[in-house]
Amino acid sequence: MPPAATAALRKLGANLTTARKRRKQPLRAWAARLNVSVPTLMKMEKGDAAVSIGVCATVLWIIGRHDALALVANPKEDAAALENEISVAVQRYRRSPATSKD
């Protein structure tokens, strides 16, 4: 896994830990709500990539941030794909025969 992705998971885990603690919820209570073991919840809070995205999505739902998950890969924010589409369109335009308006 790329280091940037690992760092992002660690940050997500730390943020979710903070959210749980600010709500004064013990690990055991959240694990029960998520239907996972305490060790699994601890792994998620450490940013372990092996934890199911479903567990992360459920935690986001518990803290009222589940809508944020859908925005993670929002096509409107995918600058690389947009640049590629523009490049393809420019190449297509340059290859097309010139049309004149008389």
C-alpha atoms as a PDB file:
ATOM      1  CA  MET A   1       0.000   0.000   0.000  1.00  0.00           C
ATOM      2  CA  PRO A   2       1.368   3.464  -0.825  1.00  0.00           C
ATOM      3  CA  PRO A   3       2.660   5.405   2.180  1.00  0.00           C
ATOM      4  CA  ALA A   4       0.198   8.237   1.512  1.00  0.00           C
ATOM      5  CA  ALA A   5      -2.738   5.805   1.708  1.00  0.00           C
ATOM      6  CA  THR A   6      -1.378   4.288   4.913  1.00  0.00           C
ATOM      7  CA  ALA A   7      -1.020   7.762   6.418  1.00  0.00           C
ATOM      8  CA  ALA A   8      -4.581   8.657   5.396  1.00  0.00           C
ATOM      9  CA  LEU A   9      -5.940   5.521   7.086  1.00  0.00           C
ATOM     10  CA  ARG A  10      -3.998   6.307  10.243  1.00  0.00           C
ATOM     11  CA  LYS A  11      -5.412   9.833  10.246  1.00  0.00           C
ATOM     12  CA  LEU A  12      -8.946   8.501   9.698  1.00  0.00           C
ATOM     13  CA  GLY A  13      -8.466   6.061  12.567  1.00  0.00           C
ATOM     14  CA  ALA A  14      -7.175   8.808  14.835  1.00  0.00           C
ATOM     15  CA  ASN A  15     -10.110  11.044  13.917  1.00  0.00           C
ATOM     16  CA  LEU A  16     -12.588   8.251  14.635  1.00  0.00           C
ATOM     17  CA  THR A  17     -10.886   7.597  17.972  1.00  0.00           C
ATOM     18  CA  THR A  18     -11.277  11.269  18.836  1.00  0.00           C
ATOM     19  CA  ALA A  19     -14.941  11.171  17.811  1.00  0.00           C
ATOM     20  CA  ARG A  20     -15.563   8.161  20.063  1.00  0.00           C
ATOM     21  CA  LYS A  21     -13.748   9.682  23.015  1.00  0.00           C
ATOM     22  CA  ARG A  22     -15.509  13.040  22.656  1.00  0.00           C
ATOM     23  CA  ARG A  23     -18.772  11.129  22.934  1.00  0.00           C
ATOM     24  CA  LYS A  24     -17.383   9.414  26.030  1.00  0.00           C
ATOM     25  CA  GLN A  25     -18.033   6.004  24.519  1.00  0.00           C
ATOM     26  CA  PRO A  26     -15.921   3.035  25.623  1.00  0.00           C
ATOM     27  CA  LEU A  27     -14.429   0.694  23.045  1.00  0.00           C
ATOM     28  CA  ARG A  28     -16.684  -2.143  24.150  1.00  0.00           C
ATOM     29  CA  ALA A  29     -19.884  -0.119  23.585  1.00  0.00           C
ATOM     30  CA  TRP A  30     -18.883   0.963  20.088  1.00  0.00           C
ATOM     31  CA  ALA A  31     -17.693  -2.514  19.176  1.00  0.00           C
ATOM     32  CA  ALA A  32     -21.109  -3.852  20.202  1.00  0.00           C
ATOM     33  CA  ARG A  33     -22.900  -1.227  18.071  1.00  0.00           C
ATOM     34  CA  LEU A  34     -20.685  -2.144  15.118  1.00  0.00           C
ATOM     35  CA  ASN A  35     -21.088  -5.859  15.719  1.00  0.00           C
ATOM     36  CA  VAL A  36     -17.307  -6.310  15.759  1.00  0.00           C
ATOM     37  CA  SER A  37     -14.803  -7.348  18.388  1.00  0.00           C
ATOM     38  CA  VAL A  38     -12.929  -4.804  20.493  1.00  0.00           C
ATOM     39  CA  PRO A  39      -9.633  -5.822  18.806  1.00  0.00           C
ATOM     40  CA  THR A  40     -11.180  -5.106  15.389  1.00  0.00           C
ATOM     41  CA  LEU A  41     -12.313  -1.674  16.550  1.00  0.00           C
ATOM     42  CA  MET A  42      -8.844  -1.026  17.947  1.00  0.00           C
ATOM     43  CA  LYS A  43      -7.330  -1.995  14.585  1.00  0.00           C
ATOM     44  CA  MET A  44      -9.653   0.428  12.808  1.00  0.00           C
ATOM     45  CA  GLU A  45      -8.678   3.208  15.195  1.00  0.00           C
ATOM     46  CA  LYS A  46      -5.017   2.496  14.414  1.00  0.00           C
ATOM     47  CA  GLY A  47      -5.707   2.729  10.671  1.00  0.00           C
ATOM     48  CA  ASP A  48      -5.310  -0.967   9.871  1.00  0.00           C
ATOM     49  CA  ALA A  49      -6.148  -1.454   6.182  1.00  0.00           C
ATOM     50  CA  ALA A  50      -7.471  -4.961   6.838  1.00  0.00           C
ATOM     51  CA  VAL A  51     -10.569  -3.606   8.591  1.00  0.00           C
ATOM     52  CA  SER A  52     -13.650  -3.732   6.371  1.00  0.00           C
ATOM     53  CA  ILE A  53     -14.821  -0.514   4.750  1.00  0.00           C
ATOM     54  CA  GLY A  54     -18.265  -1.513   6.008  1.00  0.00           C
ATOM     55  CA  VAL A  55     -17.056  -1.090   9.582  1.00  0.00           C
ATOM     56  CA  CYS A  56     -15.682   2.354   8.738  1.00  0.00           C
ATOM     57  CA  ALA A  57     -18.935   3.300   6.997  1.00  0.00           C
ATOM     58  CA  THR A  58     -20.934   2.232  10.044  1.00  0.00           C
ATOM     59  CA  VAL A  59     -18.748   4.298  12.363  1.00  0.00           C
ATOM     60  CA  LEU A  60     -19.268   7.302  10.080  1.00  0.00           C
ATOM     61  CA  TRP A  61     -23.009   6.669  10.307  1.00  0.00           C
ATOM     62  CA  ILE A  62     -22.839   6.506  14.110  1.00  0.00           C
ATOM     63  CA  ILE A  63     -21.171   9.923  14.247  1.00  0.00           C
ATOM     64  CA  GLY A  64     -23.473  11.395  11.606  1.00  0.00           C
ATOM     65  CA  ARG A  65     -20.806  11.709   8.916  1.00  0.00           C
ATOM     66  CA  HIS A  66     -21.886   8.900   6.543  1.00  0.00           C
ATOM     67  CA  ASP A  67     -22.589  11.428   3.772  1.00  0.00           C
ATOM     68  CA  ALA A  68     -18.877  12.269   3.732  1.00  0.00           C
ATOM     69  CA  LEU A  69     -18.068   8.744   2.555  1.00  0.00           C
ATOM     70  CA  ALA A  70     -19.889   9.261  -0.739  1.00  0.00           C
ATOM     71  CA  LEU A  71     -17.819  12.385  -1.370  1.00  0.00           C
ATOM     72  CA  VAL A  72     -14.470  10.626  -1.044  1.00  0.00           C
ATOM     73  CA  ALA A  73     -14.302   9.680  -4.728  1.00  0.00           C
ATOM     74  CA  ASN A  74     -16.581  12.407  -6.078  1.00  0.00           C
ATOM     75  CA  PRO A  75     -16.016  12.604  -9.868  1.00  0.00           C
ATOM     76  CA  LYS A  76     -16.272  16.390  -9.673  1.00  0.00           C
ATOM     77  CA  GLU A  77     -13.105  16.400  -7.562  1.00  0.00           C
ATOM     78  CA  ASP A  78     -11.146  13.982  -9.772  1.00  0.00           C
ATOM     79  CA  ALA A  79      -8.791  16.486 -11.395  1.00  0.00           C
ATOM     80  CA  ALA A  80      -6.607  13.814 -13.036  1.00  0.00           C
ATOM     81  CA  ALA A  81      -9.569  12.264 -14.866  1.00  0.00           C
ATOM     82  CA  LEU A  82     -10.824  15.673 -15.948  1.00  0.00           C
ATOM     83  CA  GLU A  83      -7.379  16.596 -17.301  1.00  0.00           C
ATOM     84  CA  ASN A  84      -7.302  13.312 -19.221  1.00  0.00           C
ATOM     85  CA  GLU A  85     -10.744  13.939 -20.725  1.00  0.00           C
ATOM     86  CA  ILE A  86      -9.699  17.428 -21.801  1.00  0.00           C
ATOM     87  CA  SER A  87      -6.496  16.087 -23.347  1.00  0.00           C
ATOM     88  CA  VAL A  88      -8.441  13.472 -25.315  1.00  0.00           C
ATOM     89  CA  ALA A  89     -10.941  16.083 -26.500  1.00  0.00           C
ATOM     90  CA  VAL A  90      -8.142  18.425 -27.620  1.00  0.00           C
ATOM     91  CA  GLN A  91      -6.423  15.616 -29.531  1.00  0.00           C
ATOM     92  CA  ARG A  92      -9.703  14.653 -31.168  1.00  0.00           C
ATOM     93  CA  TYR A  93     -10.338  18.271 -32.154  1.00  0.00           C
ATOM     94  CA  ARG A  94      -6.847  18.637 -33.657  1.00  0.00           C
ATOM     95  CA  ARG A  95      -7.301  15.453 -35.714  1.00  0.00           C
ATOM     96  CA  SER A  96     -10.714  16.366 -37.074  1.00  0.00           C
ATOM     97  CA  PRO A  97     -10.822  17.889 -40.557  1.00  0.00           C
ATOM     98  CA  ALA A  98     -11.184  21.650 -40.505  1.00  0.00           C
ATOM     99  CA  THR A  99     -14.608  22.830 -41.418  1.00  0.00           C
ATOM    100  CA  SER A 100     -15.005  26.164 -43.058  1.00  0.00           C
ATOM    101  CA  LYS A 101     -18.064  28.338 -42.970  1.00  0.00           C
ATOM    102  CA  ASP A 102     -18.547  30.204 -46.226  1.00  0.00           C
END
